[in-house]
Amino acid sequence: MNYVETRPWGTFTILLDSPICKVKIITIKPGESPSYQYHFKREEHWVIVKGSGVLLLNNERSSVKEGENVFIAKEDKHTIINNGKEDLIFIETQLGEYFGEDDIVRLDDKYGRI
């Protein structure tokens, strides 16, 4: 059974949690974004499967849309902003030595979680 967690910006569902990787489906609600953050122990590979938005990666903005891939290296500062009118959905595959949520270092967060 998949594990679903609700956040202020949307939800994530853990599809696979293994010693070698973690795979999530992440849904960002319109007008929302996760914290601007980085990780010491994992890299992330994203595949945008629905919607579009703005990727902020190491202080550089770029547009992302359905079908595109994003690579986030360890310690890359990142967030994604859903500036559309529909949910932004992507698959996130984490690779590295640790996949816990406590590996998140938040730099900016509109929900006061710093």
PDB file of N, CA and C in Angstrom:
ATOM      1  N   MET A   1       0.835  -1.184   0.000  1.00  0.00           N
ATOM      2  CA  MET A   1       0.000   0.000   0.000  1.00  0.00           C
ATOM      3  C   MET A   1       0.883   1.252   0.000  1.00  0.00           C
ATOM      4  N   ASN A   2       0.509   2.261  -0.768  1.00  0.00           N
ATOM      5  CA  ASN A   2       1.257   3.499  -0.851  1.00  0.00           C
ATOM      6  C   ASN A   2       0.954   4.399   0.335  1.00  0.00           C
ATOM      7  N   TYR A   3       1.943   5.184   0.730  1.00  0.00           N
ATOM      8  CA  TYR A   3       1.821   6.097   1.856  1.00  0.00           C
ATOM      9  C   TYR A   3       1.635   7.512   1.316  1.00  0.00           C
ATOM     10  N   VAL A   4       0.569   8.206   1.725  1.00  0.00           N
ATOM     11  CA  VAL A   4       0.281   9.565   1.272  1.00  0.00           C
ATOM     12  C   VAL A   4       0.464  10.529   2.431  1.00  0.00           C
ATOM     13  N   GLU A   5       1.154  11.647   2.162  1.00  0.00           N
ATOM     14  CA  GLU A   5       1.332  12.676   3.177  1.00  0.00           C
ATOM     15  C   GLU A   5       0.881  14.013   2.598  1.00  0.00           C
ATOM     16  N   THR A   6       0.115  14.754   3.395  1.00  0.00           N
ATOM     17  CA  THR A   6      -0.376  16.071   2.990  1.00  0.00           C
ATOM     18  C   THR A   6       0.538  17.144   3.548  1.00  0.00           C
ATOM     19  N   ARG A   7       0.845  18.111   2.701  1.00  0.00           N
ATOM     20  CA  ARG A   7       1.646  19.281   3.066  1.00  0.00           C
ATOM     21  C   ARG A   7       0.825  20.534   2.735  1.00  0.00           C
ATOM     22  N   PRO A   8       1.247  21.713   3.191  1.00  0.00           N
ATOM     23  CA  PRO A   8       0.473  22.921   2.867  1.00  0.00           C
ATOM     24  C   PRO A   8       0.394  23.199   1.362  1.00  0.00           C
ATOM     25  N   TRP A   9       1.376  22.745   0.602  1.00  0.00           N
ATOM     26  CA  TRP A   9       1.461  23.000  -0.845  1.00  0.00           C
ATOM     27  C   TRP A   9       0.795  21.922  -1.694  1.00  0.00           C
ATOM     28  N   GLY A  10       0.445  20.775  -1.099  1.00  0.00           N
ATOM     29  CA  GLY A  10      -0.137  19.664  -1.870  1.00  0.00           C
ATOM     30  C   GLY A  10       0.075  18.346  -1.158  1.00  0.00           C
ATOM     31  N   THR A  11       0.431  17.305  -1.923  1.00  0.00           N
ATOM     32  CA  THR A  11       0.638  15.977  -1.338  1.00  0.00           C
ATOM     33  C   THR A  11       1.832  15.286  -1.977  1.00  0.00           C
ATOM     34  N   PHE A  12       2.345  14.276  -1.271  1.00  0.00           N
ATOM     35  CA  PHE A  12       3.242  13.327  -1.922  1.00  0.00           C
ATOM     36  C   PHE A  12       2.834  11.922  -1.516  1.00  0.00           C
ATOM     37  N   THR A  13       2.986  11.009  -2.458  1.00  0.00           N
ATOM     38  CA  THR A  13       2.695   9.597  -2.249  1.00  0.00           C
ATOM     39  C   THR A  13       3.984   8.821  -2.458  1.00  0.00           C
ATOM     40  N   ILE A  14       4.374   8.032  -1.478  1.00  0.00           N
ATOM     41  CA  ILE A  14       5.568   7.198  -1.624  1.00  0.00           C
ATOM     42  C   ILE A  14       5.170   5.938  -2.374  1.00  0.00           C
ATOM     43  N   LEU A  15       5.736   5.771  -3.562  1.00  0.00           N
ATOM     44  CA  LEU A  15       5.460   4.601  -4.396  1.00  0.00           C
ATOM     45  C   LEU A  15       6.437   3.470  -4.113  1.00  0.00           C
ATOM     46  N   LEU A  16       7.681   3.822  -3.741  1.00  0.00           N
ATOM     47  CA  LEU A  16       8.718   2.831  -3.458  1.00  0.00           C
ATOM     48  C   LEU A  16       9.666   3.423  -2.427  1.00  0.00           C
ATOM     49  N   ASP A  17       9.983   2.652  -1.396  1.00  0.00           N
ATOM     50  CA  ASP A  17      10.948   3.068  -0.380  1.00  0.00           C
ATOM     51  C   ASP A  17      11.864   1.880  -0.131  1.00  0.00           C
ATOM     52  N   SER A  18      13.042   1.928  -0.745  1.00  0.00           N
ATOM     53  CA  SER A  18      13.971   0.803  -0.647  1.00  0.00           C
ATOM     54  C   SER A  18      15.330   1.304  -0.175  1.00  0.00           C
ATOM     55  N   PRO A  19      16.253   0.426   0.148  1.00  0.00           N
ATOM     56  CA  PRO A  19      17.588   0.859   0.578  1.00  0.00           C
ATOM     57  C   PRO A  19      18.370   1.584  -0.529  1.00  0.00           C
ATOM     58  N   ILE A  20      17.985   1.389  -1.794  1.00  0.00           N
ATOM     59  CA  ILE A  20      18.759   2.006  -2.882  1.00  0.00           C
ATOM     60  C   ILE A  20      18.097   3.234  -3.498  1.00  0.00           C
ATOM     61  N   CYS A  21      16.795   3.427  -3.271  1.00  0.00           N
ATOM     62  CA  CYS A  21      16.115   4.604  -3.815  1.00  0.00           C
ATOM     63  C   CYS A  21      14.751   4.778  -3.153  1.00  0.00           C
ATOM     64  N   LYS A  22      14.196   5.978  -3.340  1.00  0.00           N
ATOM     65  CA  LYS A  22      12.823   6.256  -2.929  1.00  0.00           C
ATOM     66  C   LYS A  22      12.152   6.921  -4.122  1.00  0.00           C
ATOM     67  N   VAL A  23      10.906   6.541  -4.397  1.00  0.00           N
ATOM     68  CA  VAL A  23      10.153   7.114  -5.512  1.00  0.00           C
ATOM     69  C   VAL A  23       8.843   7.668  -4.977  1.00  0.00           C
ATOM     70  N   LYS A  24       8.565   8.926  -5.344  1.00  0.00           N
ATOM     71  CA  LYS A  24       7.339   9.597  -4.908  1.00  0.00           C
ATOM     72  C   LYS A  24       6.609  10.168  -6.124  1.00  0.00           C
ATOM     73  N   ILE A  25       5.307  10.316  -6.004  1.00  0.00           N
ATOM     74  CA  ILE A  25       4.547  11.155  -6.915  1.00  0.00           C
ATOM     75  C   ILE A  25       4.147  12.379  -6.096  1.00  0.00           C
ATOM     76  N   ILE A  26       4.491  13.555  -6.620  1.00  0.00           N
ATOM     77  CA  ILE A  26       4.299  14.799  -5.893  1.00  0.00           C
ATOM     78  C   ILE A  26       3.291  15.660  -6.639  1.00  0.00           C
ATOM     79  N   THR A  27       2.309  16.172  -5.914  1.00  0.00           N
ATOM     80  CA  THR A  27       1.277  17.035  -6.484  1.00  0.00           C
ATOM     81  C   THR A  27       1.352  18.394  -5.804  1.00  0.00           C
ATOM     82  N   ILE A  28       1.580  19.429  -6.621  1.00  0.00           N
ATOM     83  CA  ILE A  28       1.645  20.800  -6.133  1.00  0.00           C
ATOM     84  C   ILE A  28       0.363  21.514  -6.565  1.00  0.00           C
ATOM     85  N   LYS A  29      -0.361  22.081  -5.601  1.00  0.00           N
ATOM     86  CA  LYS A  29      -1.607  22.787  -5.895  1.00  0.00           C
ATOM     87  C   LYS A  29      -1.315  24.107  -6.618  1.00  0.00           C
ATOM     88  N   PRO A  30      -2.276  24.587  -7.414  1.00  0.00           N
ATOM     89  CA  PRO A  30      -2.094  25.876  -8.101  1.00  0.00           C
ATOM     90  C   PRO A  30      -1.742  26.990  -7.109  1.00  0.00           C
ATOM     91  N   GLY A  31      -0.735  27.790  -7.489  1.00  0.00           N
ATOM     92  CA  GLY A  31      -0.300  28.905  -6.657  1.00  0.00           C
ATOM     93  C   GLY A  31       0.610  28.535  -5.508  1.00  0.00           C
ATOM     94  N   GLU A  32       0.974  27.268  -5.386  1.00  0.00           N
ATOM     95  CA  GLU A  32       1.765  26.799  -4.244  1.00  0.00           C
ATOM     96  C   GLU A  32       3.160  26.338  -4.660  1.00  0.00           C
ATOM     97  N   SER A  33       4.024  26.143  -3.648  1.00  0.00           N
ATOM     98  CA  SER A  33       5.373  25.628  -3.869  1.00  0.00           C
ATOM     99  C   SER A  33       5.938  25.089  -2.560  1.00  0.00           C
ATOM    100  N   PRO A  34       6.732  24.031  -2.644  1.00  0.00           N
ATOM    101  CA  PRO A  34       7.450  23.569  -1.443  1.00  0.00           C
ATOM    102  C   PRO A  34       8.508  24.600  -1.052  1.00  0.00           C
ATOM    103  N   SER A  35       9.155  24.387   0.076  1.00  0.00           N
ATOM    104  CA  SER A  35      10.207  25.300   0.520  1.00  0.00           C
ATOM    105  C   SER A  35      11.383  25.283  -0.462  1.00  0.00           C
ATOM    106  N   TYR A  36      12.130  26.383  -0.471  1.00  0.00           N
ATOM    107  CA  TYR A  36      13.395  26.446  -1.201  1.00  0.00           C
ATOM    108  C   TYR A  36      14.388  25.730  -0.305  1.00  0.00           C
ATOM    109  N   GLN A  37      14.988  24.642  -0.775  1.00  0.00           N
ATOM    110  CA  GLN A  37      15.680  23.705   0.089  1.00  0.00           C
ATOM    111  C   GLN A  37      16.835  23.024  -0.618  1.00  0.00           C
ATOM    112  N   TYR A  38      17.593  22.261   0.174  1.00  0.00           N
ATOM    113  CA  TYR A  38      18.614  21.372  -0.392  1.00  0.00           C
ATOM    114  C   TYR A  38      18.776  20.172   0.534  1.00  0.00           C
ATOM    115  N   HIS A  39      19.550  19.186   0.047  1.00  0.00           N
ATOM    116  CA  HIS A  39      19.774  17.935   0.772  1.00  0.00           C
ATOM    117  C   HIS A  39      21.260  17.594   0.738  1.00  0.00           C
ATOM    118  N   PHE A  40      21.772  17.054   1.837  1.00  0.00           N
ATOM    119  CA  PHE A  40      23.164  16.620   1.903  1.00  0.00           C
ATOM    120  C   PHE A  40      23.363  15.185   1.421  1.00  0.00           C
ATOM    121  N   LYS A  41      22.316  14.346   1.536  1.00  0.00           N
ATOM    122  CA  LYS A  41      22.517  12.910   1.365  1.00  0.00           C
ATOM    123  C   LYS A  41      21.816  12.297   0.171  1.00  0.00           C
ATOM    124  N   ARG A  42      21.171  13.124  -0.667  1.00  0.00           N
ATOM    125  CA  ARG A  42      20.479  12.542  -1.814  1.00  0.00           C
ATOM    126  C   ARG A  42      20.438  13.512  -2.977  1.00  0.00           C
ATOM    127  N   GLU A  43      20.343  12.933  -4.172  1.00  0.00           N
ATOM    128  CA  GLU A  43      20.034  13.685  -5.379  1.00  0.00           C
ATOM    129  C   GLU A  43      18.621  13.310  -5.787  1.00  0.00           C
ATOM    130  N   GLU A  44      18.012  14.133  -6.633  1.00  0.00           N
ATOM    131  CA  GLU A  44      16.644  13.878  -7.074  1.00  0.00           C
ATOM    132  C   GLU A  44      16.551  13.991  -8.589  1.00  0.00           C
ATOM    133  N   HIS A  45      15.738  13.118  -9.160  1.00  0.00           N
ATOM    134  CA  HIS A  45      15.423  13.141 -10.585  1.00  0.00           C
ATOM    135  C   HIS A  45      13.912  13.304 -10.690  1.00  0.00           C
ATOM    136  N   TRP A  46      13.473  14.354 -11.361  1.00  0.00           N
ATOM    137  CA  TRP A  46      12.045  14.630 -11.502  1.00  0.00           C
ATOM    138  C   TRP A  46      11.619  14.445 -12.946  1.00  0.00           C
ATOM    139  N   VAL A  47      10.435  13.879 -13.141  1.00  0.00           N
ATOM    140  CA  VAL A  47       9.786  13.818 -14.452  1.00  0.00           C
ATOM    141  C   VAL A  47       8.433  14.503 -14.290  1.00  0.00           C
ATOM    142  N   ILE A  48       8.239  15.586 -15.016  1.00  0.00           N
ATOM    143  CA  ILE A  48       6.978  16.323 -14.943  1.00  0.00           C
ATOM    144  C   ILE A  48       5.949  15.538 -15.756  1.00  0.00           C
ATOM    145  N   VAL A  49       4.868  15.122 -15.113  1.00  0.00           N
ATOM    146  CA  VAL A  49       3.865  14.300 -15.795  1.00  0.00           C
ATOM    147  C   VAL A  49       2.559  15.031 -16.081  1.00  0.00           C
ATOM    148  N   LYS A  50       2.331  16.173 -15.389  1.00  0.00           N
ATOM    149  CA  LYS A  50       1.109  16.944 -15.656  1.00  0.00           C
ATOM    150  C   LYS A  50       1.336  18.381 -15.218  1.00  0.00           C
ATOM    151  N   GLY A  51       0.867  19.309 -16.031  1.00  0.00           N
ATOM    152  CA  GLY A  51       0.943  20.716 -15.672  1.00  0.00           C
ATOM    153  C   GLY A  51       2.265  21.349 -16.051  1.00  0.00           C
ATOM    154  N   SER A  52       2.463  22.548 -15.529  1.00  0.00           N
ATOM    155  CA  SER A  52       3.689  23.305 -15.790  1.00  0.00           C
ATOM    156  C   SER A  52       3.962  24.195 -14.595  1.00  0.00           C
ATOM    157  N   GLY A  53       5.164  24.747 -14.563  1.00  0.00           N
ATOM    158  CA  GLY A  53       5.524  25.609 -13.455  1.00  0.00           C
ATOM    159  C   GLY A  53       6.861  26.260 -13.677  1.00  0.00           C
ATOM    160  N   VAL A  54       7.393  26.825 -12.598  1.00  0.00           N
ATOM    161  CA  VAL A  54       8.686  27.484 -12.620  1.00  0.00           C
ATOM    162  C   VAL A  54       9.609  26.752 -11.663  1.00  0.00           C
ATOM    163  N   LEU A  55      10.742  26.306 -12.172  1.00  0.00           N
ATOM    164  CA  LEU A  55      11.775  25.667 -11.364  1.00  0.00           C
ATOM    165  C   LEU A  55      12.744  26.746 -10.907  1.00  0.00           C
ATOM    166  N   LEU A  56      13.036  26.777  -9.615  1.00  0.00           N
ATOM    167  CA  LEU A  56      14.084  27.632  -9.074  1.00  0.00           C
ATOM    168  C   LEU A  56      15.200  26.698  -8.627  1.00  0.00           C
ATOM    169  N   LEU A  57      16.318  26.737  -9.351  1.00  0.00           N
ATOM    170  CA  LEU A  57      17.441  25.836  -9.103  1.00  0.00           C
ATOM    171  C   LEU A  57      18.696  26.681  -8.956  1.00  0.00           C
ATOM    172  N   ASN A  58      19.244  26.689  -7.746  1.00  0.00           N
ATOM    173  CA  ASN A  58      20.432  27.491  -7.452  1.00  0.00           C
ATOM    174  C   ASN A  58      20.248  28.948  -7.878  1.00  0.00           C
ATOM    175  N   ASN A  59      19.104  29.501  -7.511  1.00  0.00           N
ATOM    176  CA  ASN A  59      18.743  30.900  -7.754  1.00  0.00           C
ATOM    177  C   ASN A  59      18.503  31.249  -9.226  1.00  0.00           C
ATOM    178  N   GLU A  60      18.395  30.254 -10.095  1.00  0.00           N
ATOM    179  CA  GLU A  60      18.067  30.501 -11.501  1.00  0.00           C
ATOM    180  C   GLU A  60      16.692  29.933 -11.796  1.00  0.00           C
ATOM    181  N   ARG A  61      15.859  30.731 -12.457  1.00  0.00           N
ATOM    182  CA  ARG A  61      14.490  30.328 -12.797  1.00  0.00           C
ATOM    183  C   ARG A  61      14.427  29.809 -14.225  1.00  0.00           C
ATOM    184  N   SER A  62      13.615  28.748 -14.399  1.00  0.00           N
ATOM    185  CA  SER A  62      13.327  28.245 -15.741  1.00  0.00           C
ATOM    186  C   SER A  62      11.936  27.624 -15.730  1.00  0.00           C
ATOM    187  N   SER A  63      11.307  27.630 -16.880  1.00  0.00           N
ATOM    188  CA  SER A  63       9.983  27.026 -17.013  1.00  0.00           C
ATOM    189  C   SER A  63      10.122  25.526 -17.180  1.00  0.00           C
ATOM    190  N   VAL A  64       9.180  24.774 -16.614  1.00  0.00           N
ATOM    191  CA  VAL A  64       9.119  23.328 -16.808  1.00  0.00           C
ATOM    192  C   VAL A  64       7.692  22.961 -17.187  1.00  0.00           C
ATOM    193  N   LYS A  65       7.589  21.883 -17.978  1.00  0.00           N
ATOM    194  CA  LYS A  65       6.262  21.446 -18.411  1.00  0.00           C
ATOM    195  C   LYS A  65       6.245  19.933 -18.558  1.00  0.00           C
ATOM    196  N   GLU A  66       5.041  19.431 -18.781  1.00  0.00           N
ATOM    197  CA  GLU A  66       4.814  17.996 -18.945  1.00  0.00           C
ATOM    198  C   GLU A  66       5.825  17.385 -19.914  1.00  0.00           C
ATOM    199  N   GLY A  67       6.400  16.246 -19.509  1.00  0.00           N
ATOM    200  CA  GLY A  67       7.348  15.518 -20.345  1.00  0.00           C
ATOM    201  C   GLY A  67       8.803  15.880 -20.112  1.00  0.00           C
ATOM    202  N   GLU A  68       9.065  16.924 -19.352  1.00  0.00           N
ATOM    203  CA  GLU A  68      10.447  17.341 -19.120  1.00  0.00           C
ATOM    204  C   GLU A  68      11.034  16.675 -17.880  1.00  0.00           C
ATOM    205  N   ASN A  69      12.366  16.594 -17.859  1.00  0.00           N
ATOM    206  CA  ASN A  69      13.117  15.999 -16.760  1.00  0.00           C
ATOM    207  C   ASN A  69      13.946  17.076 -16.068  1.00  0.00           C
ATOM    208  N   VAL A  70      14.102  16.923 -14.766  1.00  0.00           N
ATOM    209  CA  VAL A  70      14.912  17.845 -13.969  1.00  0.00           C
ATOM    210  C   VAL A  70      15.863  17.004 -13.126  1.00  0.00           C
ATOM    211  N   PHE A  71      17.158  17.396 -13.096  1.00  0.00           N
ATOM    212  CA  PHE A  71      18.136  16.737 -12.234  1.00  0.00           C
ATOM    213  C   PHE A  71      18.552  17.719 -11.149  1.00  0.00           C
ATOM    214  N   ILE A  72      18.484  17.250  -9.899  1.00  0.00           N
ATOM    215  CA  ILE A  72      18.872  18.051  -8.743  1.00  0.00           C
ATOM    216  C   ILE A  72      19.978  17.297  -8.007  1.00  0.00           C
ATOM    217  N   ALA A  73      21.193  17.819  -8.079  1.00  0.00           N
ATOM    218  CA  ALA A  73      22.339  17.187  -7.423  1.00  0.00           C
ATOM    219  C   ALA A  73      22.292  17.440  -5.916  1.00  0.00           C
ATOM    220  N   LYS A  74      23.037  16.648  -5.157  1.00  0.00           N
ATOM    221  CA  LYS A  74      23.172  16.895  -3.723  1.00  0.00           C
ATOM    222  C   LYS A  74      23.601  18.345  -3.526  1.00  0.00           C
ATOM    223  N   GLU A  75      22.972  18.995  -2.561  1.00  0.00           N
ATOM    224  CA  GLU A  75      23.251  20.365  -2.156  1.00  0.00           C
ATOM    225  C   GLU A  75      22.809  21.431  -3.160  1.00  0.00           C
ATOM    226  N   ASP A  76      22.155  21.029  -4.276  1.00  0.00           N
ATOM    227  CA  ASP A  76      21.532  22.025  -5.151  1.00  0.00           C
ATOM    228  C   ASP A  76      20.342  22.633  -4.427  1.00  0.00           C
ATOM    229  N   LYS A  77      20.259  23.937  -4.425  1.00  0.00           N
ATOM    230  CA  LYS A  77      19.107  24.626  -3.833  1.00  0.00           C
ATOM    231  C   LYS A  77      17.972  24.586  -4.845  1.00  0.00           C
ATOM    232  N   HIS A  78      16.755  24.189  -4.395  1.00  0.00           N
ATOM    233  CA  HIS A  78      15.678  23.991  -5.360  1.00  0.00           C
ATOM    234  C   HIS A  78      14.281  24.132  -4.767  1.00  0.00           C
ATOM    235  N   THR A  79      13.374  24.515  -5.638  1.00  0.00           N
ATOM    236  CA  THR A  79      11.942  24.441  -5.396  1.00  0.00           C
ATOM    237  C   THR A  79      11.260  24.483  -6.755  1.00  0.00           C
ATOM    238  N   ILE A  80       9.976  24.227  -6.750  1.00  0.00           N
ATOM    239  CA  ILE A  80       9.177  24.331  -7.963  1.00  0.00           C
ATOM    240  C   ILE A  80       7.888  25.060  -7.596  1.00  0.00           C
ATOM    241  N   ILE A  81       7.482  25.977  -8.460  1.00  0.00           N
ATOM    242  CA  ILE A  81       6.320  26.819  -8.205  1.00  0.00           C
ATOM    243  C   ILE A  81       5.249  26.488  -9.233  1.00  0.00           C
ATOM    244  N   ASN A  82       4.070  26.151  -8.746  1.00  0.00           N
ATOM    245  CA  ASN A  82       2.948  25.911  -9.657  1.00  0.00           C
ATOM    246  C   ASN A  82       2.282  27.258  -9.918  1.00  0.00           C
ATOM    247  N   ASN A  83       2.577  27.842 -11.064  1.00  0.00           N
ATOM    248  CA  ASN A  83       1.978  29.127 -11.418  1.00  0.00           C
ATOM    249  C   ASN A  83       0.803  28.955 -12.380  1.00  0.00           C
ATOM    250  N   GLY A  84       0.333  27.717 -12.518  1.00  0.00           N
ATOM    251  CA  GLY A  84      -0.786  27.421 -13.407  1.00  0.00           C
ATOM    252  C   GLY A  84      -2.105  27.330 -12.658  1.00  0.00           C
ATOM    253  N   LYS A  85      -3.126  26.884 -13.382  1.00  0.00           N
ATOM    254  CA  LYS A  85      -4.477  26.765 -12.810  1.00  0.00           C
ATOM    255  C   LYS A  85      -4.861  25.328 -12.502  1.00  0.00           C
ATOM    256  N   GLU A  86      -3.975  24.372 -12.810  1.00  0.00           N
ATOM    257  CA  GLU A  86      -4.231  22.963 -12.510  1.00  0.00           C
ATOM    258  C   GLU A  86      -3.082  22.423 -11.684  1.00  0.00           C
ATOM    259  N   ASP A  87      -3.288  21.255 -11.088  1.00  0.00           N
ATOM    260  CA  ASP A  87      -2.230  20.627 -10.306  1.00  0.00           C
ATOM    261  C   ASP A  87      -0.987  20.402 -11.164  1.00  0.00           C
ATOM    262  N   LEU A  88       0.166  20.595 -10.553  1.00  0.00           N
ATOM    263  CA  LEU A  88       1.454  20.252 -11.153  1.00  0.00           C
ATOM    264  C   LEU A  88       1.877  18.935 -10.521  1.00  0.00           C
ATOM    265  N   ILE A  89       2.087  17.903 -11.339  1.00  0.00           N
ATOM    266  CA  ILE A  89       2.395  16.567 -10.826  1.00  0.00           C
ATOM    267  C   ILE A  89       3.712  16.093 -11.422  1.00  0.00           C
ATOM    268  N   PHE A  90       4.597  15.581 -10.566  1.00  0.00           N
ATOM    269  CA  PHE A  90       5.846  15.001 -11.066  1.00  0.00           C
ATOM    270  C   PHE A  90       6.224  13.781 -10.245  1.00  0.00           C
ATOM    271  N   ILE A  91       7.000  12.910 -10.887  1.00  0.00           N
ATOM    272  CA  ILE A  91       7.559  11.730 -10.236  1.00  0.00           C
ATOM    273  C   ILE A  91       8.967  12.101  -9.781  1.00  0.00           C
ATOM    274  N   GLU A  92       9.260  11.844  -8.519  1.00  0.00           N
ATOM    275  CA  GLU A  92      10.582  12.135  -7.970  1.00  0.00           C
ATOM    276  C   GLU A  92      11.258  10.818  -7.601  1.00  0.00           C
ATOM    277  N   THR A  93      12.440  10.595  -8.146  1.00  0.00           N
ATOM    278  CA  THR A  93      13.259   9.447  -7.763  1.00  0.00           C
ATOM    279  C   THR A  93      14.470   9.974  -7.014  1.00  0.00           C
ATOM    280  N   GLN A  94      14.627   9.501  -5.785  1.00  0.00           N
ATOM    281  CA  GLN A  94      15.756   9.909  -4.944  1.00  0.00           C
ATOM    282  C   GLN A  94      16.817   8.821  -4.968  1.00  0.00           C
ATOM    283  N   LEU A  95      18.067   9.233  -5.169  1.00  0.00           N
ATOM    284  CA  LEU A  95      19.209   8.333  -5.109  1.00  0.00           C
ATOM    285  C   LEU A  95      20.222   8.908  -4.130  1.00  0.00           C
ATOM    286  N   GLY A  96      20.873   8.032  -3.361  1.00  0.00           N
ATOM    287  CA  GLY A  96      21.867   8.508  -2.408  1.00  0.00           C
ATOM    288  C   GLY A  96      22.017   7.558  -1.251  1.00  0.00           C
ATOM    289  N   GLU A  97      22.442   8.117  -0.130  1.00  0.00           N
ATOM    290  CA  GLU A  97      22.732   7.287   1.036  1.00  0.00           C
ATOM    291  C   GLU A  97      21.646   7.327   2.097  1.00  0.00           C
ATOM    292  N   TYR A  98      20.685   8.285   1.978  1.00  0.00           N
ATOM    293  CA  TYR A  98      19.652   8.432   3.001  1.00  0.00           C
ATOM    294  C   TYR A  98      18.482   9.183   2.387  1.00  0.00           C
ATOM    295  N   PHE A  99      17.238   8.752   2.717  1.00  0.00           N
ATOM    296  CA  PHE A  99      16.054   9.312   2.075  1.00  0.00           C
ATOM    297  C   PHE A  99      15.036   9.889   3.057  1.00  0.00           C
ATOM    298  N   GLY A 100      15.423  10.118   4.301  1.00  0.00           N
ATOM    299  CA  GLY A 100      14.503  10.639   5.312  1.00  0.00           C
ATOM    300  C   GLY A 100      14.147  12.097   5.067  1.00  0.00           C
ATOM    301  N   GLU A 101      12.956  12.481   5.521  1.00  0.00           N
ATOM    302  CA  GLU A 101      12.495  13.864   5.381  1.00  0.00           C
ATOM    303  C   GLU A 101      13.342  14.828   6.215  1.00  0.00           C
ATOM    304  N   ASP A 102      14.082  14.317   7.207  1.00  0.00           N
ATOM    305  CA  ASP A 102      14.920  15.187   8.024  1.00  0.00           C
ATOM    306  C   ASP A 102      16.233  15.569   7.339  1.00  0.00           C
ATOM    307  N   ASP A 103      16.415  15.180   6.071  1.00  0.00           N
ATOM    308  CA  ASP A 103      17.565  15.629   5.274  1.00  0.00           C
ATOM    309  C   ASP A 103      17.219  16.904   4.494  1.00  0.00           C
ATOM    310  N   ILE A 104      16.101  17.522   4.813  1.00  0.00           N
ATOM    311  CA  ILE A 104      15.705  18.772   4.160  1.00  0.00           C
ATOM    312  C   ILE A 104      16.286  19.945   4.948  1.00  0.00           C
ATOM    313  N   VAL A 105      17.053  20.793   4.252  1.00  0.00           N
ATOM    314  CA  VAL A 105      17.534  22.043   4.823  1.00  0.00           C
ATOM    315  C   VAL A 105      16.749  23.149   4.127  1.00  0.00           C
ATOM    316  N   ARG A 106      15.850  23.791   4.867  1.00  0.00           N
ATOM    317  CA  ARG A 106      14.992  24.828   4.281  1.00  0.00           C
ATOM    318  C   ARG A 106      15.682  26.187   4.343  1.00  0.00           C
ATOM    319  N   LEU A 107      15.707  26.867   3.200  1.00  0.00           N
ATOM    320  CA  LEU A 107      16.292  28.201   3.110  1.00  0.00           C
ATOM    321  C   LEU A 107      15.218  29.281   3.114  1.00  0.00           C
ATOM    322  N   ASP A 108      14.058  28.971   2.545  1.00  0.00           N
ATOM    323  CA  ASP A 108      12.932  29.894   2.487  1.00  0.00           C
ATOM    324  C   ASP A 108      11.666  29.052   2.458  1.00  0.00           C
ATOM    325  N   ASP A 109      10.654  29.486   3.223  1.00  0.00           N
ATOM    326  CA  ASP A 109       9.427  28.700   3.294  1.00  0.00           C
ATOM    327  C   ASP A 109       8.261  29.613   3.651  1.00  0.00           C
ATOM    328  N   LYS A 110       7.310  29.733   2.734  1.00  0.00           N
ATOM    329  CA  LYS A 110       6.177  30.629   2.971  1.00  0.00           C
ATOM    330  C   LYS A 110       5.205  30.112   4.018  1.00  0.00           C
ATOM    331  N   TYR A 111       5.416  28.887   4.498  1.00  0.00           N
ATOM    332  CA  TYR A 111       4.534  28.289   5.488  1.00  0.00           C
ATOM    333  C   TYR A 111       5.143  28.321   6.901  1.00  0.00           C
ATOM    334  N   GLY A 112       6.263  29.023   7.064  1.00  0.00           N
ATOM    335  CA  GLY A 112       6.870  29.202   8.381  1.00  0.00           C
ATOM    336  C   GLY A 112       7.522  27.975   8.969  1.00  0.00           C
ATOM    337  N   ARG A 113       8.064  27.085   8.117  1.00  0.00           N
ATOM    338  CA  ARG A 113       8.663  25.839   8.621  1.00  0.00           C
ATOM    339  C   ARG A 113      10.193  25.907   8.748  1.00  0.00           C
ATOM    340  N   ILE A 114      10.752  27.093   8.792  1.00  0.00           N
ATOM    341  CA  ILE A 114      12.216  27.206   8.940  1.00  0.00           C
ATOM    342  C   ILE A 114      12.553  27.248  10.418  1.00  0.00           C
TER     343      ILE A 114
END
